[in-house]
Protein backbone atom coordinates (compact mmCIF):
# COMPACT_ATOMS: atom_id res chain seq x y z
CA MET A 1 -106.69 -166.07 205.21
CA THR A 2 -103.36 -165.11 206.67
CA LEU A 3 -100.92 -162.46 205.62
CA ASN A 4 -98.09 -163.77 203.42
CA PHE A 5 -95.15 -162.17 201.65
CA PRO A 6 -94.70 -164.20 198.45
CA ASN A 7 -93.05 -161.32 196.56
CA PRO A 8 -89.59 -160.39 197.93
CA SER A 9 -89.62 -157.02 196.13
CA ARG A 10 -89.00 -153.90 198.13
CA SER A 11 -88.18 -150.35 197.16
CA TYR A 12 -86.79 -147.24 198.80
CA ASP A 13 -88.89 -144.07 198.89
CA ALA A 14 -86.30 -141.32 199.38
CA ALA A 15 -88.88 -138.53 199.79
CA ALA A 16 -90.68 -140.30 202.64
CA LYS A 17 -87.51 -142.00 203.96
CA ARG A 18 -89.02 -145.48 204.10
CA ILE A 19 -88.92 -148.89 202.46
CA ARG A 20 -92.04 -150.16 200.69
CA PHE A 21 -92.96 -153.83 200.59
CA THR A 22 -96.16 -155.72 199.96
CA GLY A 23 -98.04 -158.47 201.72
CA HIS A 24 -100.96 -160.52 200.45
CA ASP A 25 -104.07 -161.71 202.23
CA GLY A 26 -105.66 -164.04 199.74
CA MET A 27 -106.25 -161.96 196.64
CA PHE A 28 -105.80 -158.65 198.48
CA GLU A 29 -102.53 -156.75 198.20
CA VAL A 30 -101.54 -155.00 201.43
CA PRO A 31 -98.96 -152.18 201.21
CA PHE A 32 -96.46 -151.77 204.03
CA PHE A 33 -93.78 -149.19 204.70
CA VAL A 34 -91.00 -149.36 207.26
CA GLU A 35 -89.43 -146.06 208.24
CA VAL A 36 -85.69 -145.71 207.74
CA ALA A 37 -85.42 -144.65 211.39
CA ALA A 38 -86.56 -148.15 212.38
CA LEU A 39 -83.86 -149.67 210.17
CA SER A 40 -81.27 -147.25 211.50
CA ALA A 41 -82.02 -148.42 215.02
CA ALA A 42 -81.38 -151.98 213.90
CA SER A 43 -78.27 -151.04 211.90
CA PRO A 44 -76.85 -147.80 213.35
CA ALA A 45 -73.84 -147.81 211.00
CA THR A 46 -75.92 -146.81 207.98
CA THR A 47 -74.85 -143.65 206.16
CA GLY A 48 -78.12 -142.96 204.41
CA ALA A 49 -77.39 -144.67 201.11
CA GLU A 50 -80.31 -146.44 199.46
CA ALA A 51 -78.36 -149.67 199.04
CA GLU A 52 -77.55 -149.73 202.76
CA TYR A 53 -81.18 -149.26 203.74
CA LEU A 54 -82.30 -152.03 201.38
CA SER A 55 -79.55 -154.28 202.72
CA ALA A 56 -80.61 -153.54 206.31
CA PHE A 57 -84.20 -154.37 205.32
CA ASP A 58 -83.10 -157.66 203.76
CA ALA A 59 -81.09 -158.60 206.86
CA LYS A 60 -84.11 -158.01 209.09
CA ARG A 61 -86.79 -159.15 206.62
CA SER A 62 -88.12 -161.97 208.79
CA SER A 63 -88.60 -159.81 211.89
CA ILE A 64 -90.02 -156.95 209.79
CA GLN A 65 -92.59 -159.32 208.31
CA ASP A 66 -93.44 -160.59 211.80
CA VAL A 67 -94.05 -157.00 212.93
CA ALA A 68 -96.13 -156.40 209.79
CA ARG A 69 -98.28 -159.46 210.55
CA GLU A 70 -98.80 -158.19 214.09
CA ALA A 71 -99.85 -154.73 212.85
CA TYR A 72 -102.17 -156.31 210.28
CA SER A 73 -103.81 -158.49 212.93
CA HIS A 74 -105.10 -155.38 214.73
CA GLY A 75 -107.40 -154.38 211.88
CA ARG A 76 -107.49 -153.74 208.16
CA LYS A 77 -106.12 -150.44 206.83
CA ASN A 78 -105.34 -149.04 203.38
CA MET A 79 -101.63 -149.13 204.23
CA TYR A 80 -99.37 -149.72 207.20
CA VAL A 81 -96.36 -147.65 208.26
CA LEU A 82 -94.06 -149.45 210.66
CA THR A 83 -92.02 -147.18 212.93
CA ARG A 84 -89.22 -147.68 215.42
CA ALA A 85 -91.86 -148.07 218.17
CA ASP A 86 -93.30 -151.13 216.42
CA PHE A 87 -90.01 -152.99 216.85
CA ARG A 88 -89.82 -152.84 220.65
């Protein structure tokens, strides 16, 4: 099976400063997080508001999912945290 993202839901975790989203590999749900710092690098004008981070995520959703697929291809984990380094 391949990793897909059929559910467009995402949420902001203010305590951890990251966006949560979910992928699916067949019947398995795979949790992903992308650090706000990675979104800030992509959209440096953000002021820290939740809506801005979610909007930045939405604008870069395709490339974020590509990076998530790449991370997932390196081995199965309980969860994946994508950082600024993953987007280089």
